Amino acid sequence: MVPAALSLVVTGVVYGVLGSEELLILLFTFCAAFSLIVNAKVGYSVFAGNPKFVGGSIAHVGIAIMCLGFVTSARYDSKATLALPKGKATESMGYQLTYVGYKALDSERYAFNVEVHHGGVTKTVAPVMRFNSQDNSTIRHPDVINFLSRDFYVAPVSVETGEEAPVSHTLVRGKPVNIDGLTVTFNQFEFTDEHRTAMAEGKEFFINADLSVKDGKSVRKLQLRMKNGPAGAEFLPAVYTSYDGRAYQFAMTQMMPSQEDPAQSAVAVDVMLPHDESAHKQEETLIIEASIKPMINLVWAGTVTLIVGFLLTIMRRVGEARWQGDKVQSEE
């Protein structure tokens, strides 16, 4: 009756403090609390009689503590997706979060520093995002602040740097494409005999992509260049200035010549559109998912307790096996 009464108290605390939940979860909480209290009581009796047999009870206590941790951390957690403008504090779930900037760990991994203020204490988390250039994927690693009664997780989602991004187009030979009011046509690749000889000799050479740009009533030529040398290929940007004075920056990113049908040759280009000074430049913003997992330390405490009980049981079994072996040998 005593373990049952105490288990009802624990269930009531979970219900009252962490919030209401469905009946099956409360029943599971009651059973875990009951198992914890009963096995602690049995373990105390076993320890008082013969301490070497206490390992099983300790392991069961660990399992019960783990189950309570599963309930509190997984069923009563809180989550929020937040946009954190750099340098501006954002309130959520009783915490104040401020994104202070990122730091490059290497060529692909970046740590995003976020200050978390709660209860007069400020700590910094640094979740990491890895941008894999080979398969164009992003791998995200959260960071966590460990409190006594809960863990606070910060997982990065994306970052908006506020920098202007180029517009990408694929231009097929002879087919005009409209780019921000300009009619751009890819005409041909230009690879002179001089550059062919330089390529054969392992020297620096150029391959050009000739474009025609129709701006209003006028049509002008624009040449994009690829330089290839000992350091590898490099695409050189070119600037086109429209009749009204706006500057467009073109850069070739890939050449797709067709030997079978030259008319199907194509070139991929990135175009940086003119900067609009009157437009409001977007500030750097980190998008995160923040979550609170209450009493998750119960999971770790239960795991440690389970391992301790398991090891004590193994040690007892090993000792018994040795004793049986010595007894057999003495009888022989």
C-alpha atoms as a PDB file:
ATOM      1  CA  MET A   1       0.000   0.000   0.000  1.00  0.00           C
ATOM      2  CA  VAL A   2       2.839   2.393   0.793  1.00  0.00           C
ATOM      3  CA  PRO A   3       4.508   2.067  -2.665  1.00  0.00           C
ATOM      4  CA  ALA A   4       1.084   2.428  -4.325  1.00  0.00           C
ATOM      5  CA  ALA A   5       0.314   5.591  -2.356  1.00  0.00           C
ATOM      6  CA  LEU A   6       3.723   7.105  -3.090  1.00  0.00           C
ATOM      7  CA  SER A   7       3.322   6.231  -6.792  1.00  0.00           C
ATOM      8  CA  LEU A   8       0.014   8.105  -6.860  1.00  0.00           C
ATOM      9  CA  VAL A   9       1.797  11.114  -5.380  1.00  0.00           C
ATOM     10  CA  VAL A  10       4.501  10.959  -8.095  1.00  0.00           C
ATOM     11  CA  THR A  11       1.842  10.653 -10.810  1.00  0.00           C
ATOM     12  CA  GLY A  12      -0.016  13.610  -9.327  1.00  0.00           C
ATOM     13  CA  VAL A  13       3.163  15.696  -9.367  1.00  0.00           C
ATOM     14  CA  VAL A  14       3.770  14.834 -13.029  1.00  0.00           C
ATOM     15  CA  TYR A  15       0.155  15.700 -13.819  1.00  0.00           C
ATOM     16  CA  GLY A  16       0.162  18.952 -11.871  1.00  0.00           C
ATOM     17  CA  VAL A  17       3.606  20.326 -12.639  1.00  0.00           C
ATOM     18  CA  LEU A  18       4.250  19.201 -16.208  1.00  0.00           C
ATOM     19  CA  GLY A  19       0.656  19.427 -17.419  1.00  0.00           C
ATOM     20  CA  SER A  20      -2.189  17.076 -18.190  1.00  0.00           C
ATOM     21  CA  GLU A  21      -1.640  14.125 -20.494  1.00  0.00           C
ATOM     22  CA  GLU A  22      -3.619  11.168 -21.791  1.00  0.00           C
ATOM     23  CA  LEU A  23      -4.608   8.379 -19.413  1.00  0.00           C
ATOM     24  CA  LEU A  24      -2.163   5.777 -20.758  1.00  0.00           C
ATOM     25  CA  ILE A  25       0.822   8.069 -20.137  1.00  0.00           C
ATOM     26  CA  LEU A  26      -0.300   8.723 -16.565  1.00  0.00           C
ATOM     27  CA  LEU A  27      -0.785   4.971 -16.076  1.00  0.00           C
ATOM     28  CA  PHE A  28       2.713   4.340 -17.426  1.00  0.00           C
ATOM     29  CA  THR A  29       4.058   6.991 -15.029  1.00  0.00           C
ATOM     30  CA  PHE A  30       2.307   5.298 -12.101  1.00  0.00           C
ATOM     31  CA  CYS A  31       3.719   1.875 -13.064  1.00  0.00           C
ATOM     32  CA  ALA A  32       7.271   3.244 -13.440  1.00  0.00           C
ATOM     33  CA  ALA A  33       7.047   5.012 -10.067  1.00  0.00           C
ATOM     34  CA  PHE A  34       5.619   1.877  -8.440  1.00  0.00           C
ATOM     35  CA  SER A  35       8.437  -0.254  -9.895  1.00  0.00           C
ATOM     36  CA  LEU A  36      11.009   2.256  -8.674  1.00  0.00           C
ATOM     37  CA  ILE A  37       9.699   2.376  -5.099  1.00  0.00           C
ATOM     38  CA  VAL A  38       9.094  -1.380  -4.783  1.00  0.00           C
ATOM     39  CA  ASN A  39      12.519  -2.328  -6.145  1.00  0.00           C
ATOM     40  CA  ALA A  40      14.198   0.265  -3.918  1.00  0.00           C
ATOM     41  CA  LYS A  41      12.387  -1.256  -0.915  1.00  0.00           C
ATOM     42  CA  VAL A  42      13.298  -4.817  -1.955  1.00  0.00           C
ATOM     43  CA  GLY A  43      16.879  -3.774  -2.714  1.00  0.00           C
ATOM     44  CA  TYR A  44      17.238  -2.263   0.742  1.00  0.00           C
ATOM     45  CA  SER A  45      16.035  -5.516   2.326  1.00  0.00           C
ATOM     46  CA  VAL A  46      18.380  -7.585   0.155  1.00  0.00           C
ATOM     47  CA  PHE A  47      21.319  -5.303   0.934  1.00  0.00           C
ATOM     48  CA  ALA A  48      20.628  -5.609   4.651  1.00  0.00           C
ATOM     49  CA  GLY A  49      20.639  -9.400   4.337  1.00  0.00           C
ATOM     50  CA  ASN A  50      23.292 -10.166   1.711  1.00  0.00           C
ATOM     51  CA  PRO A  51      24.681  -7.200  -0.236  1.00  0.00           C
ATOM     52  CA  LYS A  52      26.086  -9.284  -3.080  1.00  0.00           C
ATOM     53  CA  PHE A  53      22.518 -10.115  -4.271  1.00  0.00           C
ATOM     54  CA  VAL A  54      21.464  -6.461  -4.608  1.00  0.00           C
ATOM     55  CA  GLY A  55      22.523  -6.077  -8.259  1.00  0.00           C
ATOM     56  CA  GLY A  56      19.196  -7.230  -9.726  1.00  0.00           C
ATOM     57  CA  SER A  57      17.167  -4.748  -7.672  1.00  0.00           C
ATOM     58  CA  ILE A  58      19.530  -1.905  -8.577  1.00  0.00           C
ATOM     59  CA  ALA A  59      19.177  -2.751 -12.304  1.00  0.00           C
ATOM     60  CA  HIS A  60      15.364  -2.701 -12.009  1.00  0.00           C
ATOM     61  CA  VAL A  61      15.521   0.631 -10.190  1.00  0.00           C
ATOM     62  CA  GLY A  62      17.583   1.968 -13.106  1.00  0.00           C
ATOM     63  CA  ILE A  63      15.002   0.803 -15.635  1.00  0.00           C
ATOM     64  CA  ALA A  64      12.206   2.485 -13.665  1.00  0.00           C
ATOM     65  CA  ILE A  65      14.137   5.772 -13.474  1.00  0.00           C
ATOM     66  CA  MET A  66      14.783   5.601 -17.233  1.00  0.00           C
ATOM     67  CA  CYS A  67      11.059   5.104 -17.904  1.00  0.00           C
ATOM     68  CA  LEU A  68      10.200   8.188 -15.839  1.00  0.00           C
ATOM     69  CA  GLY A  69      12.827  10.121 -17.814  1.00  0.00           C
ATOM     70  CA  PHE A  70      11.311   8.941 -21.105  1.00  0.00           C
ATOM     71  CA  VAL A  71       7.898  10.232 -20.051  1.00  0.00           C
ATOM     72  CA  THR A  72       9.019  13.632 -18.811  1.00  0.00           C
ATOM     73  CA  SER A  73      11.521  14.386 -21.597  1.00  0.00           C
ATOM     74  CA  ALA A  74       9.619  13.010 -24.597  1.00  0.00           C
ATOM     75  CA  ARG A  75       5.954  13.570 -23.733  1.00  0.00           C
ATOM     76  CA  TYR A  76       6.232  16.905 -21.955  1.00  0.00           C
ATOM     77  CA  ASP A  77       8.836  18.617 -24.108  1.00  0.00           C
ATOM     78  CA  SER A  78       8.332  22.070 -25.637  1.00  0.00           C
ATOM     79  CA  LYS A  79       9.452  23.146 -29.109  1.00  0.00           C
ATOM     80  CA  ALA A  80       9.517  26.397 -31.033  1.00  0.00           C
ATOM     81  CA  THR A  81      10.893  27.445 -34.420  1.00  0.00           C
ATOM     82  CA  LEU A  82      12.445  30.903 -34.130  1.00  0.00           C
ATOM     83  CA  ALA A  83      13.972  33.486 -36.445  1.00  0.00           C
ATOM     84  CA  LEU A  84      16.905  35.200 -34.697  1.00  0.00           C
ATOM     85  CA  PRO A  85      18.062  38.439 -36.366  1.00  0.00           C
ATOM     86  CA  LYS A  86      21.713  39.021 -35.594  1.00  0.00           C
ATOM     87  CA  GLY A  87      22.231  41.051 -32.431  1.00  0.00           C
ATOM     88  CA  LYS A  88      18.532  41.198 -31.481  1.00  0.00           C
ATOM     89  CA  ALA A  89      17.115  39.340 -28.470  1.00  0.00           C
ATOM     90  CA  THR A  90      14.116  37.051 -29.000  1.00  0.00           C
ATOM     91  CA  GLU A  91      11.905  35.748 -26.162  1.00  0.00           C
ATOM     92  CA  SER A  92      10.493  32.224 -26.268  1.00  0.00           C
ATOM     93  CA  MET A  93       9.426  29.624 -23.679  1.00  0.00           C
ATOM     94  CA  GLY A  94      10.847  31.762 -20.855  1.00  0.00           C
ATOM     95  CA  TYR A  95      14.291  32.084 -22.471  1.00  0.00           C
ATOM     96  CA  GLN A  96      15.952  35.043 -24.185  1.00  0.00           C
ATOM     97  CA  LEU A  97      17.989  34.091 -27.239  1.00  0.00           C
ATOM     98  CA  THR A  98      20.398  36.319 -29.144  1.00  0.00           C
ATOM     99  CA  TYR A  99      22.235  35.292 -32.312  1.00  0.00           C
ATOM    100  CA  VAL A 100      25.698  36.854 -32.199  1.00  0.00           C
ATOM    101  CA  GLY A 101      27.251  35.511 -35.428  1.00  0.00           C
ATOM    102  CA  TYR A 102      28.897  32.480 -36.976  1.00  0.00           C
ATOM    103  CA  LYS A 103      32.424  31.128 -37.145  1.00  0.00           C
ATOM    104  CA  ALA A 104      33.939  28.949 -39.867  1.00  0.00           C
ATOM    105  CA  LEU A 105      35.362  25.741 -38.381  1.00  0.00           C
ATOM    106  CA  ASP A 106      36.698  24.587 -41.755  1.00  0.00           C
ATOM    107  CA  SER A 107      35.773  24.930 -45.433  1.00  0.00           C
ATOM    108  CA  GLU A 108      32.377  23.241 -44.914  1.00  0.00           C
ATOM    109  CA  ARG A 109      31.446  23.496 -41.204  1.00  0.00           C
ATOM    110  CA  TYR A 110      30.148  26.626 -39.520  1.00  0.00           C
ATOM    111  CA  ALA A 111      29.285  27.164 -35.838  1.00  0.00           C
ATOM    112  CA  PHE A 112      26.437  29.586 -35.097  1.00  0.00           C
ATOM    113  CA  ASN A 113      26.790  31.217 -31.683  1.00  0.00           C
ATOM    114  CA  VAL A 114      23.585  31.872 -29.764  1.00  0.00           C
ATOM    115  CA  GLU A 115      23.489  33.413 -26.290  1.00  0.00           C
ATOM    116  CA  VAL A 116      20.781  31.920 -24.061  1.00  0.00           C
ATOM    117  CA  HIS A 117      19.708  33.996 -21.057  1.00  0.00           C
ATOM    118  CA  HIS A 118      17.526  32.441 -18.356  1.00  0.00           C
ATOM    119  CA  GLY A 119      17.148  33.117 -14.657  1.00  0.00           C
ATOM    120  CA  GLY A 120      19.966  35.653 -14.540  1.00  0.00           C
ATOM    121  CA  VAL A 121      22.426  33.221 -16.183  1.00  0.00           C
ATOM    122  CA  THR A 122      23.754  33.584 -19.727  1.00  0.00           C
ATOM    123  CA  LYS A 123      25.256  30.639 -21.587  1.00  0.00           C
ATOM    124  CA  THR A 124      26.324  30.244 -25.198  1.00  0.00           C
ATOM    125  CA  VAL A 125      25.462  27.377 -27.513  1.00  0.00           C
ATOM    126  CA  ALA A 126      27.134  26.787 -30.866  1.00  0.00           C
ATOM    127  CA  PRO A 127      25.078  24.484 -33.117  1.00  0.00           C
ATOM    128  CA  VAL A 128      26.898  23.482 -36.302  1.00  0.00           C
ATOM    129  CA  MET A 129      25.815  23.242 -39.916  1.00  0.00           C
ATOM    130  CA  ARG A 130      27.923  21.455 -42.508  1.00  0.00           C
ATOM    131  CA  PHE A 131      27.387  22.419 -46.141  1.00  0.00           C
ATOM    132  CA  ASN A 132      28.540  19.462 -48.252  1.00  0.00           C
ATOM    133  CA  SER A 133      29.587  20.835 -51.624  1.00  0.00           C
ATOM    134  CA  GLN A 134      29.881  17.404 -53.227  1.00  0.00           C
ATOM    135  CA  ASP A 135      26.222  16.389 -52.984  1.00  0.00           C
ATOM    136  CA  ASN A 136      24.824  19.867 -52.196  1.00  0.00           C
ATOM    137  CA  SER A 137      23.446  18.733 -48.826  1.00  0.00           C
ATOM    138  CA  THR A 138      23.340  20.276 -45.356  1.00  0.00           C
ATOM    139  CA  ILE A 139      24.036  18.333 -42.151  1.00  0.00           C
ATOM    140  CA  ARG A 140      22.856  19.921 -38.907  1.00  0.00           C
ATOM    141  CA  HIS A 141      24.240  19.277 -35.408  1.00  0.00           C
ATOM    142  CA  PRO A 142      22.353  20.746 -32.401  1.00  0.00           C
ATOM    143  CA  ASP A 143      23.951  22.002 -29.215  1.00  0.00           C
ATOM    144  CA  VAL A 144      22.561  21.662 -25.701  1.00  0.00           C
ATOM    145  CA  ILE A 145      22.675  23.406 -22.334  1.00  0.00           C
ATOM    146  CA  ASN A 146      22.357  21.029 -19.384  1.00  0.00           C
ATOM    147  CA  PHE A 147      20.320  22.321 -16.462  1.00  0.00           C
ATOM    148  CA  LEU A 148      19.607  20.325 -13.310  1.00  0.00           C
ATOM    149  CA  SER A 149      15.946  19.720 -14.147  1.00  0.00           C
ATOM    150  CA  ARG A 150      15.957  20.015 -17.966  1.00  0.00           C
ATOM    151  CA  ASP A 151      18.015  20.278 -21.119  1.00  0.00           C
ATOM    152  CA  PHE A 152      17.690  23.152 -23.563  1.00  0.00           C
ATOM    153  CA  TYR A 153      18.427  22.180 -27.179  1.00  0.00           C
ATOM    154  CA  VAL A 154      19.175  24.542 -30.060  1.00  0.00           C
ATOM    155  CA  ALA A 155      19.146  22.985 -33.535  1.00  0.00           C
ATOM    156  CA  PRO A 156      20.038  25.084 -36.605  1.00  0.00           C
ATOM    157  CA  VAL A 157      17.606  25.045 -39.531  1.00  0.00           C
ATOM    158  CA  SER A 158      18.970  27.621 -41.979  1.00  0.00           C
ATOM    159  CA  VAL A 159      20.730  30.961 -42.132  1.00  0.00           C
ATOM    160  CA  GLU A 160      19.767  33.969 -44.225  1.00  0.00           C
ATOM    161  CA  THR A 161      22.887  36.059 -44.682  1.00  0.00           C
ATOM    162  CA  GLY A 162      21.195  39.012 -46.337  1.00  0.00           C
ATOM    163  CA  GLU A 163      23.633  38.873 -49.226  1.00  0.00           C
ATOM    164  CA  GLU A 164      22.303  39.133 -52.751  1.00  0.00           C
ATOM    165  CA  ALA A 165      22.389  35.844 -54.652  1.00  0.00           C
ATOM    166  CA  PRO A 166      22.993  35.536 -58.391  1.00  0.00           C
ATOM    167  CA  VAL A 167      20.308  34.309 -60.775  1.00  0.00           C
ATOM    168  CA  SER A 168      21.279  31.126 -62.631  1.00  0.00           C
ATOM    169  CA  HIS A 169      20.332  30.432 -66.254  1.00  0.00           C
ATOM    170  CA  THR A 170      21.210  27.820 -68.864  1.00  0.00           C
ATOM    171  CA  LEU A 171      21.543  29.352 -72.328  1.00  0.00           C
ATOM    172  CA  VAL A 172      21.110  27.057 -75.318  1.00  0.00           C
ATOM    173  CA  ARG A 173      22.788  28.211 -78.493  1.00  0.00           C
ATOM    174  CA  GLY A 174      20.589  30.520 -80.544  1.00  0.00           C
ATOM    175  CA  LYS A 175      17.687  30.579 -78.050  1.00  0.00           C
ATOM    176  CA  PRO A 176      17.175  33.989 -76.411  1.00  0.00           C
ATOM    177  CA  VAL A 177      16.393  34.202 -72.683  1.00  0.00           C
ATOM    178  CA  ASN A 178      14.910  37.177 -70.832  1.00  0.00           C
ATOM    179  CA  ILE A 179      16.962  38.171 -67.792  1.00  0.00           C
ATOM    180  CA  ASP A 180      15.570  41.126 -65.860  1.00  0.00           C
ATOM    181  CA  GLY A 181      14.523  42.951 -69.040  1.00  0.00           C
ATOM    182  CA  LEU A 182      17.600  41.975 -71.063  1.00  0.00           C
ATOM    183  CA  THR A 183      17.315  39.520 -73.956  1.00  0.00           C
ATOM    184  CA  VAL A 184      20.426  37.348 -73.784  1.00  0.00           C
ATOM    185  CA  THR A 185      21.429  34.879 -76.513  1.00  0.00           C
ATOM    186  CA  PHE A 186      24.324  32.437 -76.485  1.00  0.00           C
ATOM    187  CA  ASN A 187      25.974  32.399 -79.918  1.00  0.00           C
ATOM    188  CA  GLN A 188      28.985  30.086 -79.787  1.00  0.00           C
ATOM    189  CA  PHE A 189      32.129  28.982 -78.016  1.00  0.00           C
ATOM    190  CA  GLU A 190      35.367  30.537 -79.191  1.00  0.00           C
ATOM    191  CA  PHE A 191      38.540  28.447 -78.979  1.00  0.00           C
ATOM    192  CA  THR A 192      41.322  29.805 -81.175  1.00  0.00           C
ATOM    193  CA  ASP A 193      44.203  27.818 -82.655  1.00  0.00           C
ATOM    194  CA  GLU A 194      46.600  29.745 -80.435  1.00  0.00           C
ATOM    195  CA  HIS A 195      44.762  28.570 -77.333  1.00  0.00           C
ATOM    196  CA  ARG A 196      44.548  24.999 -78.673  1.00  0.00           C
ATOM    197  CA  THR A 197      48.344  25.001 -79.000  1.00  0.00           C
ATOM    198  CA  ALA A 198      48.735  26.393 -75.482  1.00  0.00           C
ATOM    199  CA  MET A 199      46.444  23.659 -74.119  1.00  0.00           C
ATOM    200  CA  ALA A 200      48.482  20.964 -75.902  1.00  0.00           C
ATOM    201  CA  GLU A 201      51.680  22.372 -74.386  1.00  0.00           C
ATOM    202  CA  GLY A 202      50.194  22.491 -70.883  1.00  0.00           C
ATOM    203  CA  LYS A 203      50.195  26.274 -70.789  1.00  0.00           C
ATOM    204  CA  GLU A 204      47.505  28.728 -69.771  1.00  0.00           C
ATOM    205  CA  PHE A 205      44.673  29.040 -72.298  1.00  0.00           C
ATOM    206  CA  PHE A 206      41.206  30.580 -72.625  1.00  0.00           C
ATOM    207  CA  ILE A 207      37.832  29.396 -73.918  1.00  0.00           C
ATOM    208  CA  ASN A 208      35.260  32.117 -74.546  1.00  0.00           C
ATOM    209  CA  ALA A 209      31.467  32.084 -74.690  1.00  0.00           C
ATOM    210  CA  ASP A 210      30.080  34.776 -77.010  1.00  0.00           C
ATOM    211  CA  LEU A 211      26.747  36.283 -75.961  1.00  0.00           C
ATOM    212  CA  SER A 212      24.470  38.861 -77.551  1.00  0.00           C
ATOM    213  CA  VAL A 213      22.568  41.173 -75.215  1.00  0.00           C
ATOM    214  CA  LYS A 214      19.547  43.097 -76.530  1.00  0.00           C
ATOM    215  CA  ASP A 215      18.891  46.101 -74.331  1.00  0.00           C
ATOM    216  CA  GLY A 216      15.965  48.124 -75.623  1.00  0.00           C
ATOM    217  CA  LYS A 217      16.627  48.608 -79.344  1.00  0.00           C
ATOM    218  CA  SER A 218      20.381  48.075 -79.201  1.00  0.00           C
ATOM    219  CA  VAL A 219      22.231  44.755 -79.387  1.00  0.00           C
ATOM    220  CA  ARG A 220      25.722  44.434 -77.975  1.00  0.00           C
ATOM    221  CA  LYS A 221      28.218  41.618 -77.620  1.00  0.00           C
ATOM    222  CA  LEU A 222      29.346  40.210 -74.278  1.00  0.00           C
ATOM    223  CA  GLN A 223      32.184  37.730 -73.943  1.00  0.00           C
ATOM    224  CA  LEU A 224      32.514  35.391 -70.962  1.00  0.00           C
ATOM    225  CA  ARG A 225      35.896  33.736 -70.454  1.00  0.00           C
ATOM    226  CA  MET A 226      37.181  30.579 -68.832  1.00  0.00           C
ATOM    227  CA  LYS A 227      40.881  30.608 -67.941  1.00  0.00           C
ATOM    228  CA  ASN A 228      42.580  27.250 -67.533  1.00  0.00           C
ATOM    229  CA  GLY A 229      46.095  26.945 -66.162  1.00  0.00           C
ATOM    230  CA  PRO A 230      48.217  25.041 -63.652  1.00  0.00           C
ATOM    231  CA  ALA A 231      45.869  26.090 -60.837  1.00  0.00           C
ATOM    232  CA  GLY A 232      42.807  24.708 -62.663  1.00  0.00           C
ATOM    233  CA  ALA A 233      39.826  26.284 -64.373  1.00  0.00           C
ATOM    234  CA  GLU A 234      38.641  29.754 -63.399  1.00  0.00           C
ATOM    235  CA  PHE A 235      35.576  31.525 -64.763  1.00  0.00           C
ATOM    236  CA  LEU A 236      36.135  35.265 -65.192  1.00  0.00           C
ATOM    237  CA  PRO A 237      33.134  37.539 -64.671  1.00  0.00           C
ATOM    238  CA  ALA A 238      32.158  40.266 -67.130  1.00  0.00           C
ATOM    239  CA  VAL A 239      30.066  43.368 -66.479  1.00  0.00           C
ATOM    240  CA  TYR A 240      27.314  44.574 -68.818  1.00  0.00           C
ATOM    241  CA  THR A 241      26.068  48.145 -68.346  1.00  0.00           C
ATOM    242  CA  SER A 242      22.561  48.779 -69.602  1.00  0.00           C
ATOM    243  CA  TYR A 243      21.468  51.899 -71.466  1.00  0.00           C
ATOM    244  CA  ASP A 244      20.035  53.334 -68.205  1.00  0.00           C
ATOM    245  CA  GLY A 245      23.321  52.802 -66.354  1.00  0.00           C
ATOM    246  CA  ARG A 246      22.519  49.624 -64.399  1.00  0.00           C
ATOM    247  CA  ALA A 247      25.388  47.132 -64.045  1.00  0.00           C
ATOM    248  CA  TYR A 248      24.840  43.389 -64.533  1.00  0.00           C
ATOM    249  CA  GLN A 249      27.634  40.974 -63.674  1.00  0.00           C
ATOM    250  CA  PHE A 250      27.747  37.801 -65.783  1.00  0.00           C
ATOM    251  CA  ALA A 251      29.861  34.762 -64.935  1.00  0.00           C
ATOM    252  CA  MET A 252      30.067  31.475 -66.793  1.00  0.00           C
ATOM    253  CA  THR A 253      29.709  28.472 -64.435  1.00  0.00           C
ATOM    254  CA  GLN A 254      29.646  25.518 -66.844  1.00  0.00           C
ATOM    255  CA  MET A 255      30.275  24.833 -70.536  1.00  0.00           C
ATOM    256  CA  MET A 256      28.167  22.194 -72.272  1.00  0.00           C
ATOM    257  CA  PRO A 257      29.415  21.812 -75.850  1.00  0.00           C
ATOM    258  CA  SER A 258      27.785  19.257 -78.135  1.00  0.00           C
ATOM    259  CA  GLN A 259      30.085  17.598 -80.682  1.00  0.00           C
ATOM    260  CA  GLU A 260      27.265  15.721 -82.398  1.00  0.00           C
ATOM    261  CA  ASP A 261      24.969  18.731 -82.786  1.00  0.00           C
ATOM    262  CA  PRO A 262      26.660  22.098 -82.158  1.00  0.00           C
ATOM    263  CA  ALA A 263      23.231  23.750 -82.207  1.00  0.00           C
ATOM    264  CA  GLN A 264      22.491  21.991 -78.890  1.00  0.00           C
ATOM    265  CA  SER A 265      25.571  23.441 -77.192  1.00  0.00           C
ATOM    266  CA  ALA A 266      24.778  25.398 -74.039  1.00  0.00           C
ATOM    267  CA  VAL A 267      26.394  27.430 -71.311  1.00  0.00           C
ATOM    268  CA  ALA A 268      25.354  27.934 -67.681  1.00  0.00           C
ATOM    269  CA  VAL A 269      25.703  31.467 -66.340  1.00  0.00           C
ATOM    270  CA  ASP A 270      25.148  33.277 -63.057  1.00  0.00           C
ATOM    271  CA  VAL A 271      23.878  36.837 -63.310  1.00  0.00           C
ATOM    272  CA  MET A 272      24.195  39.251 -60.411  1.00  0.00           C
ATOM    273  CA  LEU A 273      21.360  41.721 -60.878  1.00  0.00           C
ATOM    274  CA  PRO A 274      21.845  45.451 -60.221  1.00  0.00           C
ATOM    275  CA  HIS A 275      21.706  46.359 -56.558  1.00  0.00           C
ATOM    276  CA  ASP A 276      18.638  48.372 -55.616  1.00  0.00           C
ATOM    277  CA  GLU A 277      19.889  50.948 -53.129  1.00  0.00           C
ATOM    278  CA  SER A 278      16.332  51.883 -52.197  1.00  0.00           C
ATOM    279  CA  ALA A 279      15.435  48.334 -51.205  1.00  0.00           C
ATOM    280  CA  HIS A 280      15.825  47.332 -47.591  1.00  0.00           C
ATOM    281  CA  LYS A 281      18.709  44.933 -47.266  1.00  0.00           C
ATOM    282  CA  GLN A 282      17.711  41.856 -45.320  1.00  0.00           C
ATOM    283  CA  GLU A 283      19.667  41.448 -42.121  1.00  0.00           C
ATOM    284  CA  GLU A 284      21.485  38.244 -41.287  1.00  0.00           C
ATOM    285  CA  THR A 285      19.020  35.895 -39.601  1.00  0.00           C
ATOM    286  CA  LEU A 286      19.469  32.433 -38.079  1.00  0.00           C
ATOM    287  CA  ILE A 287      16.479  30.083 -38.138  1.00  0.00           C
ATOM    288  CA  ILE A 288      16.569  27.577 -35.267  1.00  0.00           C
ATOM    289  CA  GLU A 289      14.416  25.011 -33.551  1.00  0.00           C
ATOM    290  CA  ALA A 290      14.599  25.391 -29.766  1.00  0.00           C
ATOM    291  CA  SER A 291      13.312  22.633 -27.500  1.00  0.00           C
ATOM    292  CA  ILE A 292      13.129  21.969 -23.774  1.00  0.00           C
ATOM    293  CA  LYS A 293      13.291  18.396 -22.477  1.00  0.00           C
ATOM    294  CA  PRO A 294      12.377  18.411 -18.760  1.00  0.00           C
ATOM    295  CA  MET A 295      13.965  15.903 -16.401  1.00  0.00           C
ATOM    296  CA  ILE A 296      15.996  14.232 -19.162  1.00  0.00           C
ATOM    297  CA  ASN A 297      18.716  13.728 -16.551  1.00  0.00           C
ATOM    298  CA  LEU A 298      16.525  10.905 -15.256  1.00  0.00           C
ATOM    299  CA  VAL A 299      17.319   8.988 -18.451  1.00  0.00           C
ATOM    300  CA  TRP A 300      21.069   9.311 -17.878  1.00  0.00           C
ATOM    301  CA  ALA A 301      20.760   8.580 -14.135  1.00  0.00           C
ATOM    302  CA  GLY A 302      18.674   5.507 -14.881  1.00  0.00           C
ATOM    303  CA  THR A 303      21.162   4.315 -17.479  1.00  0.00           C
ATOM    304  CA  VAL A 304      24.069   4.602 -15.039  1.00  0.00           C
ATOM    305  CA  THR A 305      22.077   2.856 -12.294  1.00  0.00           C
ATOM    306  CA  LEU A 306      21.137   0.036 -14.676  1.00  0.00           C
ATOM    307  CA  ILE A 307      24.774  -0.489 -15.685  1.00  0.00           C
ATOM    308  CA  VAL A 308      25.906  -0.518 -12.039  1.00  0.00           C
ATOM    309  CA  GLY A 309      23.305  -3.150 -11.146  1.00  0.00           C
ATOM    310  CA  PHE A 310      24.193  -5.199 -14.224  1.00  0.00           C
ATOM    311  CA  LEU A 311      27.912  -5.131 -13.360  1.00  0.00           C
ATOM    312  CA  LEU A 312      27.230  -6.134  -9.747  1.00  0.00           C
ATOM    313  CA  THR A 313      25.179  -9.087 -10.982  1.00  0.00           C
ATOM    314  CA  ILE A 314      27.901 -10.131 -13.434  1.00  0.00           C
ATOM    315  CA  MET A 315      30.536  -9.943 -10.715  1.00  0.00           C
ATOM    316  CA  ARG A 316      28.375 -12.105  -8.429  1.00  0.00           C
ATOM    317  CA  ARG A 317      27.777 -14.669 -11.180  1.00  0.00           C
ATOM    318  CA  VAL A 318      31.494 -14.788 -12.026  1.00  0.00           C
ATOM    319  CA  GLY A 319      32.320 -15.296  -8.353  1.00  0.00           C
ATOM    320  CA  GLU A 320      29.752 -18.095  -8.070  1.00  0.00           C
ATOM    321  CA  ALA A 321      31.129 -19.783 -11.189  1.00  0.00           C
ATOM    322  CA  ARG A 322      34.656 -19.696  -9.765  1.00  0.00           C
ATOM    323  CA  TRP A 323      33.414 -21.066  -6.454  1.00  0.00           C
ATOM    324  CA  GLN A 324      31.633 -23.922  -8.239  1.00  0.00           C
ATOM    325  CA  GLY A 325      34.780 -24.648 -10.250  1.00  0.00           C
ATOM    326  CA  ASP A 326      36.965 -24.705  -7.157  1.00  0.00           C
ATOM    327  CA  LYS A 327      34.448 -26.972  -5.410  1.00  0.00           C
ATOM    328  CA  VAL A 328      34.447 -29.471  -8.285  1.00  0.00           C
ATOM    329  CA  GLN A 329      38.232 -29.521  -8.393  1.00  0.00           C
ATOM    330  CA  SER A 330      38.451 -30.119  -4.626  1.00  0.00           C
ATOM    331  CA  GLU A 331      35.983 -33.004  -4.850  1.00  0.00           C
ATOM    332  CA  GLU A 332      38.013 -34.585  -7.664  1.00  0.00           C
END
